[in-house]
Amino acid sequence: MNRKEFVRTTGMAAAAMAVLPGMKLFARTPETKVRMALIGTGARGVSHLDLLLRRSDVDVVAICDIEPRALQAAKEMVSKSGKTMPEVFTGDNYAWKKMVEKTKLDAVVIATPWEWHKEMIIGSLDAGIKYVGSEVMIGITLEDHWDVVKAAEHHKAHVMMLENVCYRRDVMAVLNMVRQGLFGELIHLQGGYQHDLREVKFNDGVNTYGHGVEFGEKGYSEAHWRTEHSVHRNGDLYPTHGIGPVANYININRGNRFHSISSFSSKARGLHDYVVKKGGENHPNAKVNFKLGDVVTTSINCVNGETVLLQHDTNLPRPYSLGFRVQGTEGLWMDVNKGIYIEGKSAKAHQWDDAKIWLDKYDHPLWQRWSKETAGAGHGGMDFFVIHAFVESIKRQTATPLDVYDAATWSAITPLSERSIELGNQTIEFPDFTGGQWMYRKPVFALGADY
């Protein structure tokens, strides 16, 4: 390692320790297994459980859920794996609290409804757990996000939001291109969550997806809880899939930060129309007034001058797309048309290249190294990476590559967008969860092929 690289590496470590000084620099012994627990064994939870059971360096020692059907699916998965059956905690909404306080754990993974995440994260930290992996959204209110950040700092612990899209193969290839300067200086970025969720928000109370127009107490899985947010809230309810990759491209919280935000919401028609079409005009849910606008558009300005556009679009018929656009002084990538254009390097002036040509050429080293291990992992393999990074951070006793400041910044877009819309689309200040440390922290995400 030359002097320049040494200074860069040690500077990154020092910056991380300055913000979370509890970070240890010494790894566990190779034979030590991570003692892991899982809160929530629904559809998302068992996906994480499957990946954890595949690993020889993890012991899943406890699981928790209050839904018998979900617990049974998890236990069957453990049995098929040949691993030791974990202790099961259930019976009431606070069974998870008994689990984290009673069981000796290195880490916990949380895959429950959004409204429980803040309480479960802080409860796990208070119980002495130093690594918490949470499914996306770490709070509901802006205050929730501050509470999680302060708790992580107080306990000198690590909270990683398990945002898997940061590890999507094309997203990471573009990150590689960004870092090699192919797009020049970045100017404008777009992303979002453009996904028809009508069969997720409604079902028949038996099937996980569709087959009816029930939600709430009569719904099952996400229809049991997620749809209520569409009834009572209006904002970008699910920003992290779009903003996570974008934040990594422009080094948010690490030399750059979001400065201001404003949001606009369309009228709400999609969910009502779906209920009428599938359940009839006389169905009780046809009388529900859904507050969430069908398309919510959010604009963010950065202190380094970039603009970011996010869109949340989940109530109307449409093919799935996260709508990524990365545009710089030398060219751009747009995932919707699967195109890349680099001025002076593309095959023809003013014409798109097939993005695959560039994405294959600049495939990220992480995917080159671990692609075989992703076989069978959820969401095209990217779920492997987010769990792998979390586990490896625990084993090495280092900060997670996506930390509590990233989690809070990305997730807080929801309450901030709600507030902007409530104020008549006003531009409001974006909070700095790092307390000014963004000026000194260095990029750490996916710098090599390790984890």
Protein backbone atom coordinates (compact mmCIF):
# COMPACT_ATOMS: atom_id res chain seq x y z
CA MET A 1 0.00 0.00 0.00
CA ASN A 2 1.47 3.36 -1.02
CA ARG A 3 1.40 6.44 1.19
CA LYS A 4 -1.54 8.05 -0.63
CA GLU A 5 -3.67 4.93 -0.27
CA PHE A 6 -2.65 4.55 3.37
CA VAL A 7 -3.68 8.10 4.19
CA ARG A 8 -7.00 7.65 2.36
CA THR A 9 -7.80 4.38 4.15
CA THR A 10 -6.85 5.53 7.62
CA GLY A 11 -8.71 8.78 7.07
CA MET A 12 -11.88 6.84 6.29
CA ALA A 13 -11.53 4.81 9.46
CA ALA A 14 -10.89 7.89 11.55
CA ALA A 15 -13.93 9.65 10.12
CA ALA A 16 -16.15 6.68 10.90
CA MET A 17 -14.85 6.45 14.46
CA ALA A 18 -15.36 10.17 14.99
CA VAL A 19 -19.08 9.75 14.47
CA LEU A 20 -19.58 6.29 15.96
CA PRO A 21 -16.58 5.89 18.28
CA GLY A 22 -17.66 2.45 19.46
CA MET A 23 -16.47 0.85 16.24
CA LYS A 24 -13.93 -1.89 16.91
CA LEU A 25 -11.11 -2.61 14.52
CA PHE A 26 -10.45 -6.21 15.44
CA ALA A 27 -12.36 -9.09 13.91
CA ARG A 28 -13.69 -12.16 15.60
CA THR A 29 -11.86 -15.45 15.33
CA PRO A 30 -12.79 -17.43 12.21
CA GLU A 31 -14.58 -20.17 14.16
CA THR A 32 -16.89 -17.74 15.96
CA LYS A 33 -20.45 -17.76 14.69
CA VAL A 34 -22.73 -14.76 14.74
CA ARG A 35 -25.67 -15.28 17.09
CA MET A 36 -28.61 -13.83 15.18
CA ALA A 37 -32.30 -13.35 15.91
CA LEU A 38 -35.12 -12.45 13.55
CA ILE A 39 -38.15 -10.35 14.44
CA GLY A 40 -40.86 -10.92 11.86
CA THR A 41 -41.21 -14.12 9.83
CA GLY A 42 -43.64 -12.94 7.18
CA ALA A 43 -42.90 -12.89 3.47
CA ARG A 44 -39.90 -10.59 3.84
CA GLY A 45 -38.71 -12.17 7.05
CA VAL A 46 -38.46 -15.71 5.69
CA SER A 47 -36.48 -14.37 2.74
CA HIS A 48 -33.87 -13.09 5.18
CA LEU A 49 -34.13 -16.30 7.19
CA ASP A 50 -33.36 -18.38 4.12
CA LEU A 51 -30.17 -16.42 3.46
CA LEU A 52 -29.08 -16.59 7.11
CA LEU A 53 -29.66 -20.35 7.24
CA ARG A 54 -27.44 -20.83 4.19
CA ARG A 55 -24.47 -19.32 6.00
CA SER A 56 -22.03 -21.43 8.02
CA ASP A 57 -20.95 -18.36 10.01
CA VAL A 58 -24.42 -17.60 11.45
CA ASP A 59 -26.52 -19.33 14.09
CA VAL A 60 -30.15 -18.22 14.07
CA VAL A 61 -30.84 -18.71 17.77
CA ALA A 62 -34.25 -17.04 18.08
CA ILE A 63 -37.23 -16.01 15.94
CA CYS A 64 -40.28 -13.98 16.82
CA ASP A 65 -43.70 -13.41 15.28
CA ILE A 66 -47.29 -13.24 16.50
CA GLU A 67 -48.80 -14.82 13.38
CA PRO A 68 -48.96 -18.66 13.66
CA ARG A 69 -48.97 -19.16 9.89
CA ALA A 70 -45.81 -17.08 9.48
CA LEU A 71 -44.05 -18.86 12.35
CA GLN A 72 -44.96 -22.26 10.93
CA ALA A 73 -43.45 -21.35 7.55
CA ALA A 74 -40.26 -20.23 9.29
CA LYS A 75 -39.99 -23.41 11.35
CA GLU A 76 -40.49 -25.55 8.26
CA MET A 77 -37.69 -23.64 6.55
CA VAL A 78 -35.36 -24.27 9.49
CA SER A 79 -36.24 -27.96 9.53
CA LYS A 80 -35.47 -28.33 5.83
CA SER A 81 -32.11 -26.61 6.33
CA GLY A 82 -31.00 -29.17 8.90
CA LYS A 83 -30.03 -26.39 11.32
CA THR A 84 -30.93 -26.33 15.01
CA MET A 85 -34.42 -25.01 15.64
CA PRO A 86 -34.21 -21.50 17.15
CA GLU A 87 -36.09 -20.54 20.28
CA VAL A 88 -39.51 -19.21 19.31
CA PHE A 89 -41.03 -16.11 20.89
CA THR A 90 -44.70 -15.35 20.29
CA GLY A 91 -47.98 -14.67 22.05
CA ASP A 92 -48.23 -10.89 22.19
CA ASN A 93 -47.01 -7.73 20.45
CA TYR A 94 -44.06 -7.41 22.85
CA ALA A 95 -42.75 -10.96 22.59
CA TRP A 96 -39.85 -9.43 20.64
CA LYS A 97 -38.86 -7.42 23.71
CA LYS A 98 -38.62 -10.57 25.81
CA MET A 99 -36.48 -12.12 23.09
CA VAL A 100 -33.89 -9.33 22.84
CA GLU A 101 -33.66 -8.97 26.62
CA LYS A 102 -33.47 -12.70 27.39
CA THR A 103 -31.34 -14.06 24.54
CA LYS A 104 -27.62 -13.43 24.19
CA LEU A 105 -27.38 -11.94 20.70
CA ASP A 106 -24.76 -10.39 18.46
CA ALA A 107 -27.36 -9.00 16.08
CA VAL A 108 -31.01 -8.84 15.19
CA VAL A 109 -32.83 -8.49 11.86
CA ILE A 110 -36.19 -6.69 11.91
CA ALA A 111 -38.77 -7.44 9.20
CA THR A 112 -42.06 -6.17 10.62
CA PRO A 113 -44.58 -3.45 9.73
CA TRP A 114 -43.05 0.02 9.45
CA GLU A 115 -44.70 1.40 12.55
CA TRP A 116 -42.79 -1.06 14.75
CA HIS A 117 -39.30 -0.43 13.39
CA LYS A 118 -38.27 2.52 15.56
CA GLU A 119 -39.41 0.88 18.79
CA MET A 120 -37.79 -2.45 17.91
CA ILE A 121 -34.51 -0.84 16.84
CA ILE A 122 -34.20 1.21 20.02
CA GLY A 123 -35.40 -1.69 22.19
CA SER A 124 -32.71 -3.92 20.69
CA LEU A 125 -30.03 -1.29 21.27
CA ASP A 126 -31.20 -0.77 24.86
CA ALA A 127 -30.90 -4.53 25.39
CA GLY A 128 -27.20 -4.32 24.50
CA ILE A 129 -27.30 -5.55 20.90
CA LYS A 130 -24.63 -3.74 18.91
CA TYR A 131 -25.81 -4.57 15.38
CA VAL A 132 -29.38 -4.06 14.20
CA GLY A 133 -30.49 -4.68 10.63
CA SER A 134 -33.87 -3.19 9.84
CA GLU A 135 -36.06 -3.53 6.80
CA VAL A 136 -36.66 -0.23 5.06
CA MET A 137 -38.27 2.70 6.82
CA ILE A 138 -36.86 3.20 10.32
CA GLY A 139 -39.61 5.47 11.57
CA ILE A 140 -42.89 7.21 10.85
CA THR A 141 -42.34 10.74 12.14
CA LEU A 142 -39.27 12.92 11.73
CA GLU A 143 -38.76 12.68 15.49
CA ASP A 144 -38.62 8.87 15.16
CA HIS A 145 -35.60 9.22 12.90
CA TRP A 146 -33.77 11.51 15.30
CA ASP A 147 -34.53 9.09 18.15
CA VAL A 148 -32.97 6.18 16.26
CA VAL A 149 -29.83 8.19 15.39
CA LYS A 150 -29.40 9.36 18.98
CA ALA A 151 -29.90 5.83 20.33
CA ALA A 152 -27.26 4.40 17.97
CA GLU A 153 -24.82 7.13 18.98
CA HIS A 154 -25.58 6.68 22.69
CA HIS A 155 -24.98 2.94 22.58
CA LYS A 156 -22.06 3.21 20.14
CA ALA A 157 -23.93 0.67 18.05
CA HIS A 158 -24.67 0.11 14.37
CA VAL A 159 -28.04 0.33 12.64
CA MET A 160 -28.12 -0.76 9.00
CA MET A 161 -31.23 -0.33 6.89
CA LEU A 162 -31.36 -3.38 4.63
CA GLU A 163 -31.84 -1.44 1.39
CA ASN A 164 -31.21 -4.14 -1.18
CA VAL A 165 -31.51 -2.03 -4.34
CA CYS A 166 -28.15 -0.43 -3.53
CA TYR A 167 -26.76 -3.83 -4.52
CA ARG A 168 -28.74 -4.36 -7.73
CA ARG A 169 -26.35 -5.43 -10.46
CA ASP A 170 -27.03 -2.62 -12.93
CA VAL A 171 -27.11 -0.06 -10.10
CA MET A 172 -23.68 -1.18 -8.95
CA ALA A 173 -22.25 -1.23 -12.46
CA VAL A 174 -23.37 2.38 -12.87
CA LEU A 175 -21.78 3.19 -9.49
CA ASN A 176 -18.55 1.76 -10.91
CA MET A 177 -18.95 3.96 -13.99
CA VAL A 178 -19.66 7.03 -11.87
CA ARG A 179 -16.53 6.48 -9.83
CA GLN A 180 -14.46 6.05 -12.96
CA GLY A 181 -15.77 9.34 -14.33
CA LEU A 182 -17.64 7.98 -17.36
CA PHE A 183 -20.58 10.36 -16.84
CA GLY A 184 -18.39 13.33 -15.94
CA GLU A 185 -19.55 15.56 -13.10
CA LEU A 186 -23.02 14.49 -11.97
CA ILE A 187 -25.76 17.10 -12.41
CA HIS A 188 -29.19 15.49 -12.06
CA LEU A 189 -30.48 12.14 -10.78
CA GLN A 190 -33.83 10.42 -10.67
CA GLY A 191 -35.29 7.37 -9.00
CA GLY A 192 -38.40 6.20 -7.26
CA TYR A 193 -40.80 3.42 -6.49
CA GLN A 194 -43.03 2.86 -9.50
CA HIS A 195 -44.67 -0.45 -8.71
CA ASP A 196 -48.31 -1.51 -9.02
CA LEU A 197 -49.05 -2.59 -5.42
CA ARG A 198 -52.82 -2.98 -5.69
CA GLU A 199 -52.61 -6.76 -5.24
CA VAL A 200 -50.26 -6.21 -2.30
CA LYS A 201 -52.50 -3.66 -0.60
CA PHE A 202 -55.60 -5.82 -1.08
CA ASN A 203 -56.24 -9.55 -0.82
CA ASP A 204 -58.88 -12.00 0.40
CA GLY A 205 -57.42 -12.49 3.85
CA VAL A 206 -55.96 -15.86 2.85
CA ASN A 207 -53.71 -15.35 -0.15
CA THR A 208 -50.70 -13.08 0.23
CA TYR A 209 -51.40 -11.25 -3.02
CA GLY A 210 -54.74 -10.35 -4.59
CA HIS A 211 -57.88 -12.51 -4.88
CA GLY A 212 -59.95 -9.88 -3.10
CA VAL A 213 -60.24 -6.28 -1.92
CA GLU A 214 -59.85 -6.67 1.84
CA PHE A 215 -57.30 -4.86 3.99
CA GLY A 216 -56.73 -4.07 7.65
CA GLU A 217 -58.23 -6.58 10.06
CA LYS A 218 -59.65 -8.64 7.17
CA GLY A 219 -56.44 -8.57 5.13
CA TYR A 220 -53.43 -10.86 5.31
CA SER A 221 -49.69 -10.10 5.18
CA GLU A 222 -48.98 -6.57 3.92
CA ALA A 223 -52.67 -5.92 3.26
CA HIS A 224 -53.13 -6.30 7.01
CA TRP A 225 -51.01 -3.22 7.79
CA ARG A 226 -49.52 -1.47 4.77
CA THR A 227 -52.76 -0.26 3.20
CA GLU A 228 -53.67 1.73 6.30
CA HIS A 229 -50.80 4.08 5.46
CA SER A 230 -52.48 4.80 2.12
CA VAL A 231 -55.69 5.64 3.95
CA HIS A 232 -54.18 8.09 6.43
CA ARG A 233 -50.99 9.49 4.85
CA ASN A 234 -50.06 11.46 1.73
CA GLY A 235 -46.40 11.60 0.78
CA ASP A 236 -43.58 9.50 -0.65
CA LEU A 237 -44.26 6.48 1.55
CA TYR A 238 -41.44 4.32 0.15
CA PRO A 239 -38.48 6.40 -1.01
CA THR A 240 -35.50 4.25 -0.11
CA HIS A 241 -35.32 1.99 -3.19
CA GLY A 242 -34.85 5.07 -5.35
CA ILE A 243 -32.85 7.33 -3.08
CA GLY A 244 -30.39 4.73 -1.74
CA PRO A 245 -28.50 4.19 -5.00
CA VAL A 246 -28.76 7.89 -5.87
CA ALA A 247 -27.27 8.85 -2.49
CA ASN A 248 -24.31 6.55 -3.11
CA TYR A 249 -23.71 8.06 -6.56
CA ILE A 250 -23.38 11.60 -5.15
CA ASN A 251 -21.81 10.74 -1.76
CA ILE A 252 -24.64 11.90 0.48
CA ASN A 253 -23.51 12.16 4.13
CA ARG A 254 -19.93 11.76 2.90
CA GLY A 255 -18.87 15.05 1.35
CA ASN A 256 -22.37 16.03 0.24
CA ARG A 257 -25.81 16.25 1.79
CA PHE A 258 -29.44 16.95 0.97
CA HIS A 259 -30.23 20.63 1.56
CA SER A 260 -33.94 21.14 0.84
CA ILE A 261 -36.99 19.18 -0.27
CA SER A 262 -40.43 19.82 -1.76
CA SER A 263 -43.20 17.41 -2.73
CA PHE A 264 -46.35 17.41 -4.84
CA SER A 265 -49.18 14.90 -4.83
CA SER A 266 -51.69 14.05 -7.54
CA LYS A 267 -55.32 13.24 -6.82
CA ALA A 268 -56.15 9.80 -5.42
CA ARG A 269 -58.19 7.52 -7.67
CA GLY A 270 -56.36 4.23 -8.20
CA LEU A 271 -57.17 2.32 -5.00
CA HIS A 272 -60.84 3.28 -5.03
CA ASP A 273 -61.18 2.27 -8.69
CA TYR A 274 -59.52 -1.07 -7.95
CA VAL A 275 -61.95 -1.83 -5.13
CA VAL A 276 -64.94 -0.97 -7.32
CA LYS A 277 -63.69 -3.04 -10.26
CA LYS A 278 -62.82 -6.10 -8.16
CA GLY A 279 -65.34 -5.90 -5.33
CA GLY A 280 -68.22 -3.84 -6.66
CA GLU A 281 -69.61 -0.42 -5.82
CA ASN A 282 -71.39 -1.78 -2.74
CA HIS A 283 -68.31 -3.26 -1.10
CA PRO A 284 -67.60 -1.47 2.23
CA ASN A 285 -64.08 -0.55 1.10
CA ALA A 286 -65.53 1.36 -1.87
CA LYS A 287 -66.52 4.00 0.70
CA VAL A 288 -62.98 4.39 2.08
CA ASN A 289 -61.36 7.75 1.37
CA PHE A 290 -57.75 6.96 0.46
CA LYS A 291 -55.52 9.94 1.23
CA LEU A 292 -52.38 8.87 -0.66
CA GLY A 293 -52.08 10.55 -4.04
CA ASP A 294 -51.58 8.15 -6.92
CA VAL A 295 -48.34 9.85 -8.00
CA VAL A 296 -46.19 11.75 -5.50
CA THR A 297 -43.26 13.73 -6.92
CA THR A 298 -40.43 14.93 -4.69
CA SER A 299 -37.59 17.29 -5.60
CA ILE A 300 -34.40 17.50 -3.53
CA ASN A 301 -31.53 19.98 -3.80
CA CYS A 302 -28.02 19.08 -2.64
CA VAL A 303 -25.37 21.33 -1.13
CA ASN A 304 -22.99 20.41 -3.97
CA GLY A 305 -25.53 21.59 -6.55
CA GLU A 306 -27.10 18.37 -7.84
CA THR A 307 -30.86 17.99 -8.16
CA VAL A 308 -32.75 14.78 -7.39
CA LEU A 309 -36.25 13.83 -8.53
CA LEU A 310 -38.16 10.99 -6.84
CA GLN A 311 -41.55 9.53 -7.76
CA HIS A 312 -43.82 7.28 -5.73
CA ASP A 313 -46.40 5.55 -7.94
CA THR A 314 -48.04 2.43 -6.46
CA ASN A 315 -51.82 2.76 -6.97
CA LEU A 316 -52.18 2.63 -10.75
CA PRO A 317 -51.65 -0.06 -13.42
CA ARG A 318 -48.04 0.05 -14.59
CA PRO A 319 -45.04 -2.25 -15.13
CA TYR A 320 -42.45 -2.18 -12.36
CA SER A 321 -39.69 0.41 -12.66
CA LEU A 322 -37.53 2.38 -10.24
CA GLY A 323 -37.02 5.04 -12.92
CA PHE A 324 -33.31 5.60 -12.44
CA ARG A 325 -31.58 8.39 -14.33
CA VAL A 326 -27.96 9.37 -13.70
CA GLN A 327 -26.95 12.40 -15.76
CA GLY A 328 -23.63 14.18 -15.89
CA THR A 329 -21.56 16.48 -18.04
CA GLU A 330 -20.43 13.57 -20.27
CA GLY A 331 -23.58 11.44 -20.59
CA LEU A 332 -26.33 9.56 -18.82
CA TRP A 333 -27.99 6.26 -17.92
CA MET A 334 -31.75 5.69 -17.91
CA ASP A 335 -33.02 2.33 -16.75
CA VAL A 336 -36.53 2.62 -18.22
CA ASN A 337 -35.28 2.56 -21.80
CA LYS A 338 -32.26 0.41 -20.87
CA GLY A 339 -30.01 3.00 -22.47
CA ILE A 340 -26.66 4.64 -21.86
CA TYR A 341 -25.19 7.51 -23.83
CA ILE A 342 -21.61 8.74 -23.36
CA GLU A 343 -20.62 11.67 -25.54
CA GLY A 344 -17.73 10.82 -27.84
CA LYS A 345 -17.75 7.16 -26.77
CA SER A 346 -21.19 5.87 -27.73
CA ALA A 347 -21.53 4.16 -31.11
CA LYS A 348 -23.46 7.04 -32.70
CA ALA A 349 -23.94 10.68 -31.74
CA HIS A 350 -27.30 11.48 -30.16
CA GLN A 351 -28.32 7.81 -30.12
CA TRP A 352 -28.63 5.45 -27.17
CA ASP A 353 -26.37 2.46 -26.73
CA ASP A 354 -27.87 -0.71 -25.33
CA ALA A 355 -27.05 -0.28 -21.63
CA LYS A 356 -26.04 -3.94 -21.35
CA ILE A 357 -22.86 -3.29 -23.33
CA TRP A 358 -21.68 -0.78 -20.75
CA LEU A 359 -23.07 -2.59 -17.72
CA ASP A 360 -21.28 -5.81 -18.65
CA LYS A 361 -18.03 -3.96 -19.22
CA TYR A 362 -18.21 -2.13 -15.90
CA ASP A 363 -19.73 -4.93 -13.83
CA HIS A 364 -18.96 -4.09 -10.21
CA PRO A 365 -16.19 -6.15 -8.54
CA LEU A 366 -18.63 -7.32 -5.85
CA TRP A 367 -20.82 -8.97 -8.46
CA GLN A 368 -17.83 -10.39 -10.27
CA ARG A 369 -16.65 -12.05 -7.06
CA TRP A 370 -19.93 -13.19 -5.49
CA SER A 371 -22.31 -13.82 -8.41
CA LYS A 372 -22.35 -17.59 -7.84
CA GLU A 373 -23.33 -17.12 -4.20
CA THR A 374 -26.35 -15.04 -5.24
CA ALA A 375 -28.05 -18.01 -6.91
CA GLY A 376 -31.50 -18.43 -5.43
CA ALA A 377 -31.32 -15.24 -3.38
CA GLY A 378 -34.30 -12.93 -3.58
CA HIS A 379 -34.77 -9.97 -5.94
CA GLY A 380 -32.36 -11.20 -8.58
CA GLY A 381 -29.57 -11.90 -6.11
CA MET A 382 -29.24 -8.49 -4.53
CA ASP A 383 -30.69 -9.75 -1.22
CA PHE A 384 -27.54 -11.83 -0.79
CA PHE A 385 -25.33 -8.77 -0.72
CA VAL A 386 -27.26 -6.79 1.87
CA ILE A 387 -27.26 -9.73 4.33
CA HIS A 388 -23.66 -10.56 3.47
CA ALA A 389 -22.52 -7.00 4.21
CA PHE A 390 -24.43 -6.98 7.50
CA VAL A 391 -22.99 -10.30 8.68
CA GLU A 392 -19.44 -9.52 7.59
CA SER A 393 -19.56 -6.20 9.46
CA ILE A 394 -20.57 -8.05 12.62
CA LYS A 395 -17.81 -10.64 12.23
CA ARG A 396 -15.17 -7.97 11.68
CA GLN A 397 -16.60 -5.66 14.35
CA THR A 398 -16.64 -2.74 11.94
CA ALA A 399 -19.21 -0.14 10.93
CA THR A 400 -21.82 -1.32 8.43
CA PRO A 401 -21.38 0.10 4.90
CA LEU A 402 -24.87 1.63 5.08
CA ASP A 403 -25.11 3.21 8.51
CA VAL A 404 -27.67 4.85 10.76
CA TYR A 405 -27.14 8.26 9.13
CA ASP A 406 -27.92 6.78 5.71
CA ALA A 407 -30.97 5.02 7.15
CA ALA A 408 -32.32 8.18 8.75
CA THR A 409 -31.61 10.41 5.75
CA TRP A 410 -33.25 8.12 3.21
CA SER A 411 -36.22 7.13 5.37
CA ALA A 412 -36.93 10.67 6.61
CA ILE A 413 -37.94 11.66 3.07
CA THR A 414 -41.37 10.25 3.92
CA PRO A 415 -42.33 12.56 6.81
CA LEU A 416 -40.58 15.47 5.10
CA SER A 417 -42.61 14.94 1.92
CA GLU A 418 -45.80 14.68 3.96
CA ARG A 419 -44.98 17.97 5.65
CA SER A 420 -44.20 19.72 2.35
CA ILE A 421 -47.52 18.61 0.86
CA GLU A 422 -49.40 19.69 4.00
CA LEU A 423 -47.81 23.14 3.68
CA GLY A 424 -48.98 23.54 0.09
CA ASN A 425 -45.88 22.07 -1.57
CA GLN A 426 -43.49 24.35 0.29
CA THR A 427 -39.75 23.80 0.06
CA ILE A 428 -38.48 22.87 3.52
CA GLU A 429 -35.05 22.36 5.00
CA PHE A 430 -33.61 18.86 5.02
CA PRO A 431 -32.14 17.93 8.43
CA ASP A 432 -28.49 16.97 8.80
CA PHE A 433 -28.49 13.79 10.87
CA THR A 434 -24.68 13.69 10.92
CA GLY A 435 -24.41 16.94 12.87
CA GLY A 436 -21.97 18.45 10.39
CA GLN A 437 -19.80 15.33 10.07
CA TRP A 438 -20.87 14.92 6.43
CA MET A 439 -18.11 17.41 5.56
CA TYR A 440 -15.40 15.06 6.84
CA ARG A 441 -16.74 11.56 6.31
CA LYS A 442 -15.48 9.65 3.25
CA PRO A 443 -17.34 7.23 0.95
CA VAL A 444 -17.20 3.64 2.17
CA PHE A 445 -19.92 1.80 0.26
CA ALA A 446 -18.78 -0.94 -2.14
CA LEU A 447 -15.27 0.40 -2.70
CA GLY A 448 -13.97 -3.06 -3.53
CA ALA A 449 -14.94 -6.71 -3.84
CA ASP A 450 -14.93 -7.60 -0.14
CA TYR A 451 -18.46 -7.07 1.15
